[in-house]
Amino acid sequence: MGCPSDRVSSGRFGACLMAEPALVADCVAAMMGALPGGLPVTVKHRIGIDDLDGYDHLCRFVDTVARAGCRVFIVHARKAWLSGLSPRENREIPPLRPEVVRRLKADFPALTIVHNGGVRDLATTADHLRHVDGVMIGRGAYETPWMLAEADRAIFGEAGAPARDRASVARAMAVYAERRMGAGVPLQAITRHILPLYHGVPGARAWRRHLSEHAHRRGAGPEVILEALARVESVPAPDTDPVPAAITSAS
């Protein structure tokens, strides 16, 4: 219930439902009744909409929905304007108010409260986790995905095997792409999601350019990923990361 677009609101779903907590509670109860036992229903929402942006309204909303059985709330720490701002502007213009999410957790300690909004690095994540139960990273994870390679160590203190390097991930994606293309998925639908893999690394532009210029061409296959990899770094494929013969011969 975070999307504020006109099309979504006209269908009576998205952020506009924050004005109808009883209806949301009914929806949660119906979903819980239809799901196999033990499967949770979670709610993601804003801290308010339009003029319904007071903390009391937010608490009434959470309390009403929680009484229907929802125990996990992912809270985008911005209000939403249902008119006057585009969905993109609604992700940037209303100010972030993390203190509201933290106060919500303090007032509803039995619920799982997850912060969402404006989190672009693991240091910020760790700071939020001192006050809430979890953090949802959206655009930050998509735009700079490699930061998540350090999440287990930095956030959870796990001292397991070191994260795979970017090159091994790229080669694994080539294997994955071959499999998915065999099921009819176009290469471009896969490569568009790995464009930021080398964000902030010398050669990242060459990586992005090669994928962008070649993945959509007729006959393009997983070898495009390996060609892009060769332009950003030359790392031999390890024995534990096999690449199908069809890919290596094409590259």
Protein backbone atom coordinates (compact mmCIF):
# COMPACT_ATOMS: atom_id res chain seq x y z
CA MET A 1 0.00 0.00 0.00
CA GLY A 2 2.72 2.39 -0.95
CA CYS A 3 1.97 3.23 -4.56
CA PRO A 4 0.33 6.66 -4.95
CA SER A 5 -0.27 6.67 -8.74
CA ASP A 6 -3.61 7.85 -10.09
CA ARG A 7 -4.20 4.57 -11.91
CA VAL A 8 -3.63 2.56 -8.73
CA SER A 9 -5.79 4.87 -6.63
CA SER A 10 -8.61 4.71 -9.17
CA GLY A 11 -8.68 0.96 -8.65
CA ARG A 12 -8.94 1.49 -4.90
CA PHE A 13 -5.66 -0.09 -3.99
CA GLY A 14 -2.20 1.19 -3.20
CA ALA A 15 -1.48 4.02 -0.79
CA CYS A 16 -5.06 5.28 -0.82
CA LEU A 17 -6.04 2.29 1.34
CA MET A 18 -4.37 3.95 4.31
CA ALA A 19 -7.59 5.96 4.53
CA GLU A 20 -9.55 2.73 5.08
CA PRO A 21 -7.84 0.70 7.83
CA ALA A 22 -10.97 -1.41 8.45
CA LEU A 23 -11.02 -2.49 4.80
CA VAL A 24 -7.32 -3.35 4.93
CA ALA A 25 -7.98 -5.39 8.07
CA ASP A 26 -10.76 -7.27 6.27
CA CYS A 27 -8.41 -7.98 3.35
CA VAL A 28 -5.69 -9.25 5.69
CA ALA A 29 -8.16 -11.49 7.51
CA ALA A 30 -9.45 -12.89 4.22
CA MET A 31 -5.95 -13.61 2.96
CA MET A 32 -4.95 -15.28 6.21
CA GLY A 33 -8.07 -17.42 6.03
CA ALA A 34 -7.23 -18.55 2.51
CA LEU A 35 -3.55 -19.34 3.10
CA PRO A 36 -2.15 -22.61 4.44
CA GLY A 37 -1.44 -22.41 8.16
CA GLY A 38 1.67 -20.57 9.20
CA LEU A 39 2.13 -18.43 6.10
CA PRO A 40 2.32 -14.76 7.14
CA VAL A 41 0.55 -11.81 5.59
CA THR A 42 2.63 -8.63 5.71
CA VAL A 43 1.63 -5.05 4.99
CA LYS A 44 3.86 -2.40 3.43
CA HIS A 45 2.61 1.15 3.77
CA ARG A 46 3.52 4.82 4.10
CA ILE A 47 3.51 6.85 7.30
CA GLY A 48 0.52 8.77 5.98
CA ILE A 49 -1.27 10.16 2.93
CA ASP A 50 -2.36 13.67 2.07
CA ASP A 51 -3.78 15.27 5.22
CA LEU A 52 -4.04 11.92 7.01
CA ASP A 53 -0.45 12.20 8.12
CA GLY A 54 -0.73 12.49 11.88
CA TYR A 55 0.90 9.94 14.12
CA ASP A 56 -2.44 9.08 15.75
CA HIS A 57 -3.88 8.04 12.39
CA LEU A 58 -0.82 5.90 11.68
CA CYS A 59 -1.20 4.17 15.03
CA ARG A 60 -4.91 3.54 14.43
CA PHE A 61 -4.09 2.07 11.04
CA VAL A 62 -1.43 -0.28 12.41
CA ASP A 63 -3.50 -1.27 15.43
CA THR A 64 -6.58 -2.03 13.30
CA VAL A 65 -4.63 -4.15 10.81
CA ALA A 66 -2.68 -5.90 13.55
CA ARG A 67 -5.93 -6.96 15.22
CA ALA A 68 -6.79 -8.77 11.98
CA GLY A 69 -3.65 -10.89 12.36
CA CYS A 70 -0.87 -9.01 10.57
CA ARG A 71 2.32 -9.07 12.62
CA VAL A 72 4.82 -7.58 10.14
CA PHE A 73 4.65 -3.99 8.89
CA ILE A 74 7.13 -2.60 6.36
CA VAL A 75 6.93 1.17 6.71
CA HIS A 76 8.08 3.55 3.99
CA ALA A 77 9.14 6.49 6.12
CA ARG A 78 7.55 9.09 3.84
CA LYS A 79 3.99 10.25 3.48
CA ALA A 80 2.42 10.06 0.03
CA TRP A 81 0.57 12.77 -1.84
CA LEU A 82 -2.17 11.15 -3.90
CA SER A 83 -2.48 14.18 -6.16
CA GLY A 84 0.06 16.75 -7.25
CA LEU A 85 3.11 14.48 -7.22
CA SER A 86 4.08 11.68 -9.58
CA PRO A 87 5.02 8.25 -8.21
CA ARG A 88 8.68 9.13 -8.76
CA GLU A 89 8.31 12.47 -6.97
CA ASN A 90 6.56 10.67 -4.13
CA ARG A 91 9.74 8.65 -3.64
CA GLU A 92 11.88 11.77 -3.33
CA ILE A 93 10.02 14.97 -2.40
CA PRO A 94 8.15 14.09 0.83
CA PRO A 95 10.84 14.14 3.52
CA LEU A 96 12.02 10.95 5.12
CA ARG A 97 10.94 10.68 8.75
CA PRO A 98 12.69 7.63 10.23
CA GLU A 99 11.89 8.85 13.72
CA VAL A 100 8.22 8.05 13.05
CA VAL A 101 9.04 4.43 12.21
CA ARG A 102 11.20 4.14 15.30
CA ARG A 103 8.47 5.56 17.48
CA LEU A 104 6.03 3.08 15.95
CA LYS A 105 8.29 0.21 16.99
CA ALA A 106 8.54 1.61 20.52
CA ASP A 107 4.75 1.85 20.76
CA PHE A 108 4.10 -1.59 19.20
CA PRO A 109 6.96 -3.71 20.56
CA ALA A 110 5.17 -7.00 19.87
CA LEU A 111 4.98 -6.27 16.13
CA THR A 112 7.79 -6.64 13.61
CA ILE A 113 8.46 -3.17 12.23
CA VAL A 114 10.70 -2.83 9.17
CA HIS A 115 12.09 0.50 7.94
CA ASN A 116 11.97 1.30 4.22
CA GLY A 117 13.07 4.40 2.33
CA GLY A 118 16.33 6.21 1.67
CA VAL A 119 18.64 3.35 2.60
CA ARG A 120 21.62 3.33 0.21
CA ASP A 121 24.41 1.69 2.23
CA LEU A 122 25.08 -0.82 4.99
CA ALA A 123 26.13 1.80 7.53
CA THR A 124 22.68 3.39 7.33
CA THR A 125 21.14 -0.06 7.53
CA ALA A 126 23.03 -0.85 10.73
CA ASP A 127 21.94 2.46 12.27
CA HIS A 128 18.26 1.73 11.61
CA LEU A 129 18.59 -1.78 12.99
CA ARG A 130 19.40 -0.32 16.39
CA HIS A 131 15.79 0.87 16.54
CA VAL A 132 13.65 -1.41 14.36
CA ASP A 133 13.44 -5.11 13.51
CA GLY A 134 14.49 -4.96 9.88
CA VAL A 135 15.39 -2.80 6.92
CA MET A 136 14.11 -3.07 3.37
CA ILE A 137 16.50 -1.76 0.72
CA GLY A 138 14.91 -1.00 -2.64
CA ARG A 139 16.62 1.25 -5.18
CA GLY A 140 19.92 1.13 -3.31
CA ALA A 141 20.12 -2.63 -3.74
CA TYR A 142 19.21 -2.36 -7.41
CA GLU A 143 21.56 0.50 -8.25
CA THR A 144 24.56 -0.74 -6.23
CA PRO A 145 23.88 -4.45 -5.75
CA TRP A 146 27.45 -5.36 -4.82
CA MET A 147 27.10 -3.70 -1.42
CA LEU A 148 24.98 -6.67 -0.41
CA ALA A 149 28.00 -8.94 -0.82
CA GLU A 150 29.20 -7.60 2.54
CA ALA A 151 25.83 -7.69 4.29
CA ASP A 152 26.29 -11.02 6.07
CA ARG A 153 29.57 -9.89 7.58
CA ALA A 154 28.72 -6.25 8.25
CA ILE A 155 25.16 -6.72 9.51
CA PHE A 156 25.00 -10.24 10.87
CA GLY A 157 28.64 -10.68 11.88
CA GLU A 158 28.92 -13.92 9.97
CA ALA A 159 32.51 -14.94 9.31
CA GLY A 160 31.81 -17.57 6.68
CA ALA A 161 33.27 -17.90 3.21
CA PRO A 162 34.15 -14.60 1.54
CA ALA A 163 31.71 -13.21 -0.98
CA ARG A 164 32.11 -14.35 -4.56
CA ASP A 165 33.81 -11.82 -6.78
CA ARG A 166 31.93 -9.97 -9.49
CA ALA A 167 33.49 -12.02 -12.29
CA SER A 168 32.22 -15.32 -10.88
CA VAL A 169 28.77 -13.80 -10.51
CA ALA A 170 28.87 -12.67 -14.15
CA ARG A 171 29.85 -16.14 -15.30
CA ALA A 172 27.10 -17.69 -13.20
CA MET A 173 24.65 -15.27 -14.82
CA ALA A 174 25.79 -16.50 -18.24
CA VAL A 175 24.93 -20.05 -17.19
CA TYR A 176 21.60 -18.85 -15.81
CA ALA A 177 20.87 -16.89 -19.00
CA GLU A 178 21.42 -19.96 -21.18
CA ARG A 179 18.95 -21.91 -19.08
CA ARG A 180 16.32 -19.18 -19.04
CA MET A 181 16.67 -18.44 -22.74
CA GLY A 182 15.94 -22.11 -23.35
CA ALA A 183 12.61 -21.45 -21.63
CA GLY A 184 11.87 -18.50 -23.91
CA VAL A 185 13.12 -15.57 -21.81
CA PRO A 186 14.88 -12.95 -23.98
CA LEU A 187 18.49 -12.16 -23.08
CA GLN A 188 17.78 -8.46 -22.64
CA ALA A 189 15.22 -9.21 -19.92
CA ILE A 190 18.07 -10.78 -17.94
CA THR A 191 21.00 -8.46 -18.68
CA ARG A 192 19.07 -5.29 -17.85
CA HIS A 193 19.13 -6.38 -14.22
CA ILE A 194 22.90 -6.87 -14.04
CA LEU A 195 23.92 -3.55 -15.60
CA PRO A 196 24.91 -2.12 -12.16
CA LEU A 197 27.01 -5.15 -11.17
CA TYR A 198 30.27 -3.22 -11.68
CA HIS A 199 28.99 0.10 -10.33
CA GLY A 200 31.89 2.20 -9.09
CA VAL A 201 34.54 -0.09 -10.60
CA PRO A 202 36.92 0.98 -13.39
CA GLY A 203 35.54 -0.40 -16.63
CA ALA A 204 31.92 -0.31 -15.48
CA ARG A 205 30.93 1.88 -18.41
CA ALA A 206 32.35 -0.63 -20.90
CA TRP A 207 30.42 -3.41 -19.15
CA ARG A 208 27.14 -1.51 -19.30
CA ARG A 209 27.67 -0.35 -22.87
CA HIS A 210 28.39 -3.81 -24.24
CA LEU A 211 25.35 -5.33 -22.56
CA SER A 212 23.10 -2.45 -23.64
CA GLU A 213 24.28 -2.49 -27.26
CA HIS A 214 24.38 -6.24 -27.87
CA ALA A 215 21.91 -8.04 -25.63
CA HIS A 216 18.91 -7.03 -27.72
CA ARG A 217 20.37 -8.07 -31.07
CA ARG A 218 18.95 -11.02 -32.95
CA GLY A 219 20.82 -14.20 -32.19
CA ALA A 220 22.48 -12.76 -29.08
CA GLY A 221 23.13 -15.36 -26.40
CA PRO A 222 24.81 -15.74 -23.01
CA GLU A 223 28.19 -15.12 -24.64
CA VAL A 224 27.29 -11.41 -24.60
CA ILE A 225 27.70 -11.44 -20.83
CA LEU A 226 31.14 -13.03 -21.10
CA GLU A 227 32.16 -10.55 -23.78
CA ALA A 228 31.13 -7.70 -21.49
CA LEU A 229 33.09 -9.34 -18.69
CA ALA A 230 36.21 -9.47 -20.84
CA ARG A 231 35.92 -5.73 -21.31
CA VAL A 232 35.93 -4.96 -17.62
CA GLU A 233 38.33 -7.53 -16.26
CA SER A 234 40.18 -10.69 -17.26
CA VAL A 235 39.66 -13.33 -14.60
CA PRO A 236 39.90 -17.03 -15.58
CA ALA A 237 36.83 -19.08 -14.82
CA PRO A 238 37.41 -21.28 -11.73
CA ASP A 239 36.84 -25.01 -11.91
CA THR A 240 33.92 -24.65 -9.53
CA ASP A 241 32.15 -22.25 -11.87
CA PRO A 242 31.67 -24.25 -15.08
CA VAL A 243 30.47 -22.48 -18.18
CA PRO A 244 28.62 -24.58 -20.76
CA ALA A 245 30.64 -25.43 -23.87
CA ALA A 246 28.07 -23.67 -26.03
CA ILE A 247 28.89 -20.41 -24.24
CA THR A 248 32.65 -20.70 -24.17
CA SER A 249 32.85 -21.58 -27.85
CA ALA A 250 30.65 -18.63 -28.76
CA SER A 251 32.74 -16.22 -26.73
